[in-house]
Amino acid sequence: MRSGVVAAVAALAMVPTLAFASSCPHPAPGRHVAHQG
C-alpha cells in the first residue's frame, strides 16, 4: 500500500503546473482590455 501511495504521489508530481498557471483568463486588476486585443 505504501509503495502504491508513493508511486501515485510521484506520478502527480510529474504533471506540469505551468499549464494551470498560464490558463487563467483573468486580467491583472485594474487593467483595461483594449477592444482590438
Full PDB file with SEQRES, HELIX, SHEET, SSBOND, CRYST1, ORIGX, SCALE, CONECT and MASTER records, all heavy atoms in Angstrom:
SEQRES   1 A   37  MET ARG SER GLY VAL VAL ALA ALA VAL ALA ALA LEU ALA          
SEQRES   2 A   37  MET VAL PRO THR LEU ALA PHE ALA SER SER CYS PRO HIS          
SEQRES   3 A   37  PRO ALA PRO GLY ARG HIS VAL ALA HIS GLN GLY                  
HELIX    1 AA1 ARG A    2  ALA A   13  1                                  12    
HELIX    2 AA2 LEU A   18  SER A   22  1                                   5    
CRYST1    1.000    1.000    1.000  90.00  90.00  90.00 P 1           1          
ORIGX1      1.000000  0.000000  0.000000        0.00000                         
ORIGX2      0.000000  1.000000  0.000000        0.00000                         
ORIGX3      0.000000  0.000000  1.000000        0.00000                         
SCALE1      1.000000  0.000000  0.000000        0.00000                         
SCALE2      0.000000  1.000000  0.000000        0.00000                         
SCALE3      0.000000  0.000000  1.000000        0.00000                         
ATOM      1  N   MET A   1       0.832  -1.201   0.000  1.00  0.00           N  
ATOM      2  CA  MET A   1       0.000   0.000   0.000  1.00  0.00           C  
ATOM      3  C   MET A   1       0.868   1.253   0.000  1.00  0.00           C  
ATOM      4  O   MET A   1       0.607   2.205  -0.742  1.00  0.00           O  
ATOM      5  CB  MET A   1      -0.935   0.007   1.201  1.00  0.00           C  
ATOM      6  CG  MET A   1      -1.894   1.170   1.197  1.00  0.00           C  
ATOM      7  SD  MET A   1      -2.784   1.220   2.721  1.00  0.00           S  
ATOM      8  CE  MET A   1      -4.402   0.867   2.217  1.00  0.00           C  
ATOM      9  N   ARG A   2       1.903   1.282   0.835  1.00  0.00           N  
ATOM     10  CA  ARG A   2       2.792   2.424   0.902  1.00  0.00           C  
ATOM     11  C   ARG A   2       3.490   2.641  -0.445  1.00  0.00           C  
ATOM     12  O   ARG A   2       3.617   3.769  -0.912  1.00  0.00           O  
ATOM     13  CB  ARG A   2       3.839   2.229   2.001  1.00  0.00           C  
ATOM     14  CG  ARG A   2       4.684   3.480   2.199  1.00  0.00           C  
ATOM     15  CD  ARG A   2       5.764   3.328   3.224  1.00  0.00           C  
ATOM     16  NE  ARG A   2       5.276   2.770   4.470  1.00  0.00           N  
ATOM     17  CZ  ARG A   2       6.046   2.234   5.404  1.00  0.00           C  
ATOM     18  NH1 ARG A   2       7.352   2.191   5.219  1.00  0.00           N  
ATOM     19  NH2 ARG A   2       5.552   1.739   6.497  1.00  0.00           N  
ATOM     20  N   SER A   3       3.923   1.573  -1.093  1.00  0.00           N  
ATOM     21  CA  SER A   3       4.566   1.687  -2.409  1.00  0.00           C  
ATOM     22  C   SER A   3       3.601   2.267  -3.432  1.00  0.00           C  
ATOM     23  O   SER A   3       3.983   3.081  -4.268  1.00  0.00           O  
ATOM     24  CB  SER A   3       5.053   0.319  -2.884  1.00  0.00           C  
ATOM     25  OG  SER A   3       6.046  -0.168  -2.012  1.00  0.00           O  
ATOM     26  N   GLY A   4       2.333   1.864  -3.356  1.00  0.00           N  
ATOM     27  CA  GLY A   4       1.326   2.389  -4.276  1.00  0.00           C  
ATOM     28  C   GLY A   4       1.084   3.873  -4.064  1.00  0.00           C  
ATOM     29  O   GLY A   4       0.951   4.641  -5.022  1.00  0.00           O  
ATOM     30  N   VAL A   5       1.035   4.305  -2.800  1.00  0.00           N  
ATOM     31  CA  VAL A   5       0.828   5.725  -2.492  1.00  0.00           C  
ATOM     32  C   VAL A   5       2.026   6.538  -2.966  1.00  0.00           C  
ATOM     33  O   VAL A   5       1.871   7.601  -3.567  1.00  0.00           O  
ATOM     34  CB  VAL A   5       0.584   5.921  -0.974  1.00  0.00           C  
ATOM     35  CG1 VAL A   5       0.615   7.387  -0.608  1.00  0.00           C  
ATOM     36  CG2 VAL A   5      -0.740   5.287  -0.576  1.00  0.00           C  
ATOM     37  N   VAL A   6       3.231   6.047  -2.715  1.00  0.00           N  
ATOM     38  CA  VAL A   6       4.432   6.744  -3.150  1.00  0.00           C  
ATOM     39  C   VAL A   6       4.451   6.856  -4.675  1.00  0.00           C  
ATOM     40  O   VAL A   6       4.772   7.910  -5.236  1.00  0.00           O  
ATOM     41  CB  VAL A   6       5.705   6.029  -2.629  1.00  0.00           C  
ATOM     42  CG1 VAL A   6       6.955   6.586  -3.279  1.00  0.00           C  
ATOM     43  CG2 VAL A   6       5.787   6.151  -1.116  1.00  0.00           C  
ATOM     44  N   ALA A   7       4.060   5.813  -5.374  1.00  0.00           N  
ATOM     45  CA  ALA A   7       4.033   5.839  -6.838  1.00  0.00           C  
ATOM     46  C   ALA A   7       3.000   6.847  -7.333  1.00  0.00           C  
ATOM     47  O   ALA A   7       3.247   7.573  -8.310  1.00  0.00           O  
ATOM     48  CB  ALA A   7       3.733   4.445  -7.383  1.00  0.00           C  
ATOM     49  N   ALA A   8       1.840   6.933  -6.686  1.00  0.00           N  
ATOM     50  CA  ALA A   8       0.794   7.882  -7.094  1.00  0.00           C  
ATOM     51  C   ALA A   8       1.257   9.324  -6.886  1.00  0.00           C  
ATOM     52  O   ALA A   8       1.048  10.194  -7.741  1.00  0.00           O  
ATOM     53  CB  ALA A   8      -0.488   7.622  -6.317  1.00  0.00           C  
ATOM     54  N   VAL A   9       1.890   9.596  -5.745  1.00  0.00           N  
ATOM     55  CA  VAL A   9       2.394  10.944  -5.474  1.00  0.00           C  
ATOM     56  C   VAL A   9       3.475  11.312  -6.470  1.00  0.00           C  
ATOM     57  O   VAL A   9       3.514  12.441  -6.989  1.00  0.00           O  
ATOM     58  CB  VAL A   9       2.905  11.046  -4.015  1.00  0.00           C  
ATOM     59  CG1 VAL A   9       3.659  12.344  -3.791  1.00  0.00           C  
ATOM     60  CG2 VAL A   9       1.740  10.920  -3.051  1.00  0.00           C  
ATOM     61  N   ALA A  10       4.333  10.388  -6.794  1.00  0.00           N  
ATOM     62  CA  ALA A  10       5.399  10.648  -7.771  1.00  0.00           C  
ATOM     63  C   ALA A  10       4.808  10.935  -9.152  1.00  0.00           C  
ATOM     64  O   ALA A  10       5.274  11.817  -9.867  1.00  0.00           O  
ATOM     65  CB  ALA A  10       6.355   9.460  -7.836  1.00  0.00           C  
ATOM     66  N   ALA A  11       3.768  10.213  -9.520  1.00  0.00           N  
ATOM     67  CA  ALA A  11       3.134  10.437 -10.817  1.00  0.00           C  
ATOM     68  C   ALA A  11       2.484  11.813 -10.873  1.00  0.00           C  
ATOM     69  O   ALA A  11       2.580  12.522 -11.871  1.00  0.00           O  
ATOM     70  CB  ALA A  11       2.102   9.348 -11.095  1.00  0.00           C  
ATOM     71  N   LEU A  12       1.830  12.221  -9.807  1.00  0.00           N  
ATOM     72  CA  LEU A  12       1.205  13.540  -9.760  1.00  0.00           C  
ATOM     73  C   LEU A  12       2.239  14.654  -9.770  1.00  0.00           C  
ATOM     74  O   LEU A  12       1.987  15.729 -10.311  1.00  0.00           O  
ATOM     75  CB  LEU A  12       0.317  13.672  -8.524  1.00  0.00           C  
ATOM     76  CG  LEU A  12      -1.001  12.896  -8.577  1.00  0.00           C  
ATOM     77  CD1 LEU A  12      -1.738  13.011  -7.247  1.00  0.00           C  
ATOM     78  CD2 LEU A  12      -1.874  13.408  -9.707  1.00  0.00           C  
ATOM     79  N   ALA A  13       3.387  14.400  -9.184  1.00  0.00           N  
ATOM     80  CA  ALA A  13       4.434  15.414  -9.153  1.00  0.00           C  
ATOM     81  C   ALA A  13       4.989  15.687 -10.554  1.00  0.00           C  
ATOM     82  O   ALA A  13       5.560  16.742 -10.800  1.00  0.00           O  
ATOM     83  CB  ALA A  13       5.566  14.974  -8.231  1.00  0.00           C  
ATOM     84  N   MET A  14       4.786  14.772 -11.465  1.00  0.00           N  
ATOM     85  CA  MET A  14       5.299  14.940 -12.818  1.00  0.00           C  
ATOM     86  C   MET A  14       4.369  15.778 -13.698  1.00  0.00           C  
ATOM     87  O   MET A  14       4.743  16.178 -14.791  1.00  0.00           O  
ATOM     88  CB  MET A  14       5.530  13.575 -13.447  1.00  0.00           C  
ATOM     89  CG  MET A  14       6.597  12.778 -12.698  1.00  0.00           C  
ATOM     90  SD  MET A  14       6.750  11.116 -13.313  1.00  0.00           S  
ATOM     91  CE  MET A  14       7.753  11.404 -14.740  1.00  0.00           C  
ATOM     92  N   VAL A  15       3.141  16.062 -13.244  1.00  0.00           N  
ATOM     93  CA  VAL A  15       2.198  16.864 -14.026  1.00  0.00           C  
ATOM     94  C   VAL A  15       2.690  18.306 -14.024  1.00  0.00           C  
ATOM     95  O   VAL A  15       2.937  18.888 -12.986  1.00  0.00           O  
ATOM     96  CB  VAL A  15       0.772  16.784 -13.413  1.00  0.00           C  
ATOM     97  CG1 VAL A  15      -0.170  17.712 -14.160  1.00  0.00           C  
ATOM     98  CG2 VAL A  15       0.269  15.359 -13.441  1.00  0.00           C  
ATOM     99  N   PRO A  16       2.827  18.924 -15.210  1.00  0.00           N  
ATOM    100  CA  PRO A  16       3.330  20.301 -15.258  1.00  0.00           C  
ATOM    101  C   PRO A  16       2.327  21.282 -14.660  1.00  0.00           C  
ATOM    102  O   PRO A  16       1.163  21.282 -15.000  1.00  0.00           O  
ATOM    103  CB  PRO A  16       3.543  20.566 -16.736  1.00  0.00           C  
ATOM    104  CG  PRO A  16       2.835  19.490 -17.465  1.00  0.00           C  
ATOM    105  CD  PRO A  16       2.599  18.366 -16.512  1.00  0.00           C  
ATOM    106  N   THR A  17       2.809  22.112 -13.763  1.00  0.00           N  
ATOM    107  CA  THR A  17       1.938  23.105 -13.128  1.00  0.00           C  
ATOM    108  C   THR A  17       1.869  24.387 -13.930  1.00  0.00           C  
ATOM    109  O   THR A  17       0.980  25.194 -13.732  1.00  0.00           O  
ATOM    110  CB  THR A  17       2.430  23.430 -11.704  1.00  0.00           C  
ATOM    111  OG1 THR A  17       3.775  23.886 -11.778  1.00  0.00           O  
ATOM    112  CG2 THR A  17       2.329  22.221 -10.811  1.00  0.00           C  
ATOM    113  N   LEU A  18       2.795  24.613 -14.855  1.00  0.00           N  
ATOM    114  CA  LEU A  18       2.752  25.822 -15.670  1.00  0.00           C  
ATOM    115  C   LEU A  18       1.512  25.881 -16.543  1.00  0.00           C  
ATOM    116  O   LEU A  18       1.000  26.954 -16.829  1.00  0.00           O  
ATOM    117  CB  LEU A  18       4.001  25.921 -16.544  1.00  0.00           C  
ATOM    118  CG  LEU A  18       5.297  26.185 -15.807  1.00  0.00           C  
ATOM    119  CD1 LEU A  18       6.453  26.190 -16.794  1.00  0.00           C  
ATOM    120  CD2 LEU A  18       5.224  27.514 -15.082  1.00  0.00           C  
ATOM    121  N   ALA A  19       0.993  24.745 -16.944  1.00  0.00           N  
ATOM    122  CA  ALA A  19      -0.208  24.729 -17.772  1.00  0.00           C  
ATOM    123  C   ALA A  19      -1.385  25.329 -17.019  1.00  0.00           C  
ATOM    124  O   ALA A  19      -2.220  26.014 -17.587  1.00  0.00           O  
ATOM    125  CB  ALA A  19      -0.531  23.308 -18.203  1.00  0.00           C  
ATOM    126  N   PHE A  20      -1.457  25.090 -15.717  1.00  0.00           N  
ATOM    127  CA  PHE A  20      -2.549  25.641 -14.932  1.00  0.00           C  
ATOM    128  C   PHE A  20      -2.372  27.136 -14.716  1.00  0.00           C  
ATOM    129  O   PHE A  20      -3.315  27.891 -14.798  1.00  0.00           O  
ATOM    130  CB  PHE A  20      -2.653  24.933 -13.574  1.00  0.00           C  
ATOM    131  CG  PHE A  20      -2.979  23.477 -13.705  1.00  0.00           C  
ATOM    132  CD1 PHE A  20      -2.056  22.524 -13.348  1.00  0.00           C  
ATOM    133  CD2 PHE A  20      -4.202  23.059 -14.202  1.00  0.00           C  
ATOM    134  CE1 PHE A  20      -2.351  21.180 -13.474  1.00  0.00           C  
ATOM    135  CE2 PHE A  20      -4.495  21.724 -14.338  1.00  0.00           C  
ATOM    136  CZ  PHE A  20      -3.565  20.772 -13.973  1.00  0.00           C  
ATOM    137  N   ALA A  21      -1.164  27.583 -14.475  1.00  0.00           N  
ATOM    138  CA  ALA A  21      -0.915  28.995 -14.209  1.00  0.00           C  
ATOM    139  C   ALA A  21      -1.148  29.851 -15.444  1.00  0.00           C  
ATOM    140  O   ALA A  21      -1.683  30.943 -15.359  1.00  0.00           O  
ATOM    141  CB  ALA A  21       0.508  29.195 -13.695  1.00  0.00           C  
ATOM    142  N   SER A  22      -0.802  29.361 -16.615  1.00  0.00           N  
ATOM    143  CA  SER A  22      -0.949  30.164 -17.821  1.00  0.00           C  
ATOM    144  C   SER A  22      -2.354  30.138 -18.383  1.00  0.00           C  
ATOM    145  O   SER A  22      -2.675  30.899 -19.276  1.00  0.00           O  
ATOM    146  CB  SER A  22       0.040  29.694 -18.877  1.00  0.00           C  
ATOM    147  OG  SER A  22      -0.287  28.382 -19.277  1.00  0.00           O  
ATOM    148  N   SER A  23      -3.213  29.249 -17.899  1.00  0.00           N  
ATOM    149  CA  SER A  23      -4.557  29.161 -18.447  1.00  0.00           C  
ATOM    150  C   SER A  23      -5.548  30.068 -17.741  1.00  0.00           C  
ATOM    151  O   SER A  23      -6.713  30.093 -18.091  1.00  0.00           O  
ATOM    152  CB  SER A  23      -5.057  27.711 -18.377  1.00  0.00           C  
ATOM    153  OG  SER A  23      -5.225  27.333 -17.022  1.00  0.00           O  
ATOM    154  N   CYS A  24      -5.119  30.839 -16.762  1.00  0.00           N  
ATOM    155  CA  CYS A  24      -6.018  31.720 -16.027  1.00  0.00           C  
ATOM    156  C   CYS A  24      -6.485  32.857 -16.928  1.00  0.00           C  
ATOM    157  O   CYS A  24      -5.679  33.637 -17.419  1.00  0.00           O  
ATOM    158  CB  CYS A  24      -5.327  32.287 -14.788  1.00  0.00           C  
ATOM    159  SG  CYS A  24      -6.401  33.364 -13.839  1.00  0.00           S  
ATOM    160  N   PRO A  25      -7.816  32.994 -17.186  1.00  0.00           N  
ATOM    161  CA  PRO A  25      -8.299  34.007 -18.106  1.00  0.00           C  
ATOM    162  C   PRO A  25      -8.483  35.383 -17.493  1.00  0.00           C  
ATOM    163  O   PRO A  25      -8.894  36.302 -18.166  1.00  0.00           O  
ATOM    164  CB  PRO A  25      -9.652  33.437 -18.547  1.00  0.00           C  
ATOM    165  CG  PRO A  25     -10.127  32.696 -17.355  1.00  0.00           C  
ATOM    166  CD  PRO A  25      -8.872  32.101 -16.747  1.00  0.00           C  
ATOM    167  N   HIS A  26      -8.188  35.552 -16.208  1.00  0.00           N  
ATOM    168  CA  HIS A  26      -8.447  36.821 -15.549  1.00  0.00           C  
ATOM    169  C   HIS A  26      -7.334  37.824 -15.800  1.00  0.00           C  
ATOM    170  O   HIS A  26      -6.169  37.533 -15.584  1.00  0.00           O  
ATOM    171  CB  HIS A  26      -8.599  36.630 -14.031  1.00  0.00           C  
ATOM    172  CG  HIS A  26      -9.689  35.680 -13.684  1.00  0.00           C  
ATOM    173  ND1 HIS A  26     -11.008  35.988 -13.848  1.00  0.00           N  
ATOM    174  CD2 HIS A  26      -9.671  34.417 -13.223  1.00  0.00           C  
ATOM    175  CE1 HIS A  26     -11.751  34.968 -13.476  1.00  0.00           C  
ATOM    176  NE2 HIS A  26     -10.956  34.000 -13.108  1.00  0.00           N  
ATOM    177  N   PRO A  27      -7.668  39.026 -16.270  1.00  0.00           N  
ATOM    178  CA  PRO A  27      -6.631  40.037 -16.459  1.00  0.00           C  
ATOM    179  C   PRO A  27      -6.153  40.566 -15.112  1.00  0.00           C  
ATOM    180  O   PRO A  27      -6.815  40.381 -14.099  1.00  0.00           O  
ATOM    181  CB  PRO A  27      -7.347  41.129 -17.250  1.00  0.00           C  
ATOM    182  CG  PRO A  27      -8.782  40.966 -16.929  1.00  0.00           C  
ATOM    183  CD  PRO A  27      -8.986  39.495 -16.643  1.00  0.00           C  
ATOM    184  N   ALA A  28      -5.015  41.201 -15.131  1.00  0.00           N  
ATOM    185  CA  ALA A  28      -4.494  41.794 -13.898  1.00  0.00           C  
ATOM    186  C   ALA A  28      -5.466  42.859 -13.405  1.00  0.00           C  
ATOM    187  O   ALA A  28      -6.106  43.535 -14.205  1.00  0.00           O  
ATOM    188  CB  ALA A  28      -3.124  42.403 -14.165  1.00  0.00           C  
ATOM    189  N   PRO A  29      -5.611  43.021 -12.070  1.00  0.00           N  
ATOM    190  CA  PRO A  29      -6.544  44.014 -11.549  1.00  0.00           C  
ATOM    191  C   PRO A  29      -6.234  45.410 -12.081  1.00  0.00           C  
ATOM    192  O   PRO A  29      -5.083  45.807 -12.168  1.00  0.00           O  
ATOM    193  CB  PRO A  29      -6.325  43.949 -10.036  1.00  0.00           C  
ATOM    194  CG  PRO A  29      -5.674  42.640  -9.786  1.00  0.00           C  
ATOM    195  CD  PRO A  29      -4.916  42.298 -11.029  1.00  0.00           C  
ATOM    196  N   GLY A  30      -7.279  46.125 -12.458  1.00  0.00           N  
ATOM    197  CA  GLY A  30      -7.130  47.489 -12.912  1.00  0.00           C  
ATOM    198  C   GLY A  30      -6.697  47.629 -14.360  1.00  0.00           C  
ATOM    199  O   GLY A  30      -6.557  48.718 -14.858  1.00  0.00           O  
ATOM    200  N   ARG A  31      -6.481  46.521 -15.066  1.00  0.00           N  
ATOM    201  CA  ARG A  31      -6.068  46.602 -16.467  1.00  0.00           C  
ATOM    202  C   ARG A  31      -7.291  46.690 -17.350  1.00  0.00           C  
ATOM    203  O   ARG A  31      -8.274  46.009 -17.148  1.00  0.00           O  
ATOM    204  CB  ARG A  31      -5.254  45.378 -16.848  1.00  0.00           C  
ATOM    205  CG  ARG A  31      -3.893  45.425 -16.183  1.00  0.00           C  
ATOM    206  CD  ARG A  31      -2.944  44.480 -16.765  1.00  0.00           C  
ATOM    207  NE  ARG A  31      -2.690  44.739 -18.170  1.00  0.00           N  
ATOM    208  CZ  ARG A  31      -1.910  43.953 -18.885  1.00  0.00           C  
ATOM    209  NH1 ARG A  31      -1.346  42.919 -18.345  1.00  0.00           N  
ATOM    210  NH2 ARG A  31      -1.706  44.204 -20.151  1.00  0.00           N  
ATOM    211  N   HIS A  32      -7.195  47.512 -18.351  1.00  0.00           N  
ATOM    212  CA  HIS A  32      -8.271  47.676 -19.315  1.00  0.00           C  
ATOM    213  C   HIS A  32      -7.965  46.807 -20.522  1.00  0.00           C  
ATOM    214  O   HIS A  32      -6.855  46.817 -21.027  1.00  0.00           O  
ATOM    215  CB  HIS A  32      -8.385  49.150 -19.726  1.00  0.00           C  
ATOM    216  CG  HIS A  32      -9.322  49.366 -20.865  1.00  0.00           C  
ATOM    217  ND1 HIS A  32     -10.675  49.273 -20.716  1.00  0.00           N  
ATOM    218  CD2 HIS A  32      -9.095  49.637 -22.160  1.00  0.00           C  
ATOM    219  CE1 HIS A  32     -11.245  49.499 -21.878  1.00  0.00           C  
ATOM    220  NE2 HIS A  32     -10.302  49.727 -22.771  1.00  0.00           N  
ATOM    221  N   VAL A  33      -8.911  46.048 -20.976  1.00  0.00           N  
ATOM    222  CA  VAL A  33      -8.724  45.199 -22.131  1.00  0.00           C  
ATOM    223  C   VAL A  33      -9.137  45.977 -23.370  1.00  0.00           C  
ATOM    224  O   VAL A  33     -10.290  46.358 -23.517  1.00  0.00           O  
ATOM    225  CB  VAL A  33      -9.560  43.902 -22.009  1.00  0.00           C  
ATOM    226  CG1 VAL A  33      -9.391  43.048 -23.244  1.00  0.00           C  
ATOM    227  CG2 VAL A  33      -9.159  43.145 -20.767  1.00  0.00           C  
ATOM    228  N   ALA A  34      -8.201  46.255 -24.239  1.00  0.00           N  
ATOM    229  CA  ALA A  34      -8.490  47.014 -25.453  1.00  0.00           C  
ATOM    230  C   ALA A  34      -9.373  46.196 -26.381  1.00  0.00           C  
ATOM    231  O   ALA A  34      -9.228  44.986 -26.474  1.00  0.00           O  
ATOM    232  CB  ALA A  34      -7.187  47.369 -26.162  1.00  0.00           C  
ATOM    233  N   HIS A  35     -10.287  46.860 -27.063  1.00  0.00           N  
ATOM    234  CA  HIS A  35     -11.256  46.140 -27.880  1.00  0.00           C  
ATOM    235  C   HIS A  35     -10.620  45.381 -29.038  1.00  0.00           C  
ATOM    236  O   HIS A  35     -11.142  44.382 -29.469  1.00  0.00           O  
ATOM    237  CB  HIS A  35     -12.361  47.077 -28.368  1.00  0.00           C  
ATOM    238  CG  HIS A  35     -11.893  48.096 -29.358  1.00  0.00           C  
ATOM    239  ND1 HIS A  35     -11.223  49.237 -28.994  1.00  0.00           N  
ATOM    240  CD2 HIS A  35     -11.989  48.142 -30.702  1.00  0.00           C  
ATOM    241  CE1 HIS A  35     -10.943  49.941 -30.069  1.00  0.00           C  
ATOM    242  NE2 HIS A  35     -11.391  49.304 -31.112  1.00  0.00           N  
ATOM    243  N   GLN A  36      -9.494  45.786 -29.542  1.00  0.00           N  
ATOM    244  CA  GLN A  36      -8.867  45.052 -30.625  1.00  0.00           C  
ATOM    245  C   GLN A  36      -7.914  43.988 -30.110  1.00  0.00           C  
ATOM    246  O   GLN A  36      -7.381  43.233 -30.888  1.00  0.00           O  
ATOM    247  CB  GLN A  36      -8.125  46.004 -31.574  1.00  0.00           C  
ATOM    248  CG  GLN A  36      -6.871  46.625 -30.987  1.00  0.00           C  
ATOM    249  CD  GLN A  36      -7.154  47.900 -30.223  1.00  0.00           C  
ATOM    250  OE1 GLN A  36      -8.291  48.217 -29.904  1.00  0.00           O  
ATOM    251  NE2 GLN A  36      -6.124  48.647 -29.913  1.00  0.00           N  
ATOM    252  N   GLY A  37      -7.715  43.857 -28.806  1.00  0.00           N  
ATOM    253  CA  GLY A  37      -6.711  42.944 -28.281  1.00  0.00           C  
ATOM    254  C   GLY A  37      -7.241  41.712 -27.601  1.00  0.00           C  
ATOM    255  O   GLY A  37      -6.537  41.087 -26.849  1.00  0.00           O  
TER     256      GLY A  37                                                      
MASTER        0    0    0    2    0    0    0    6  255    1    0    3          
END                                                                             
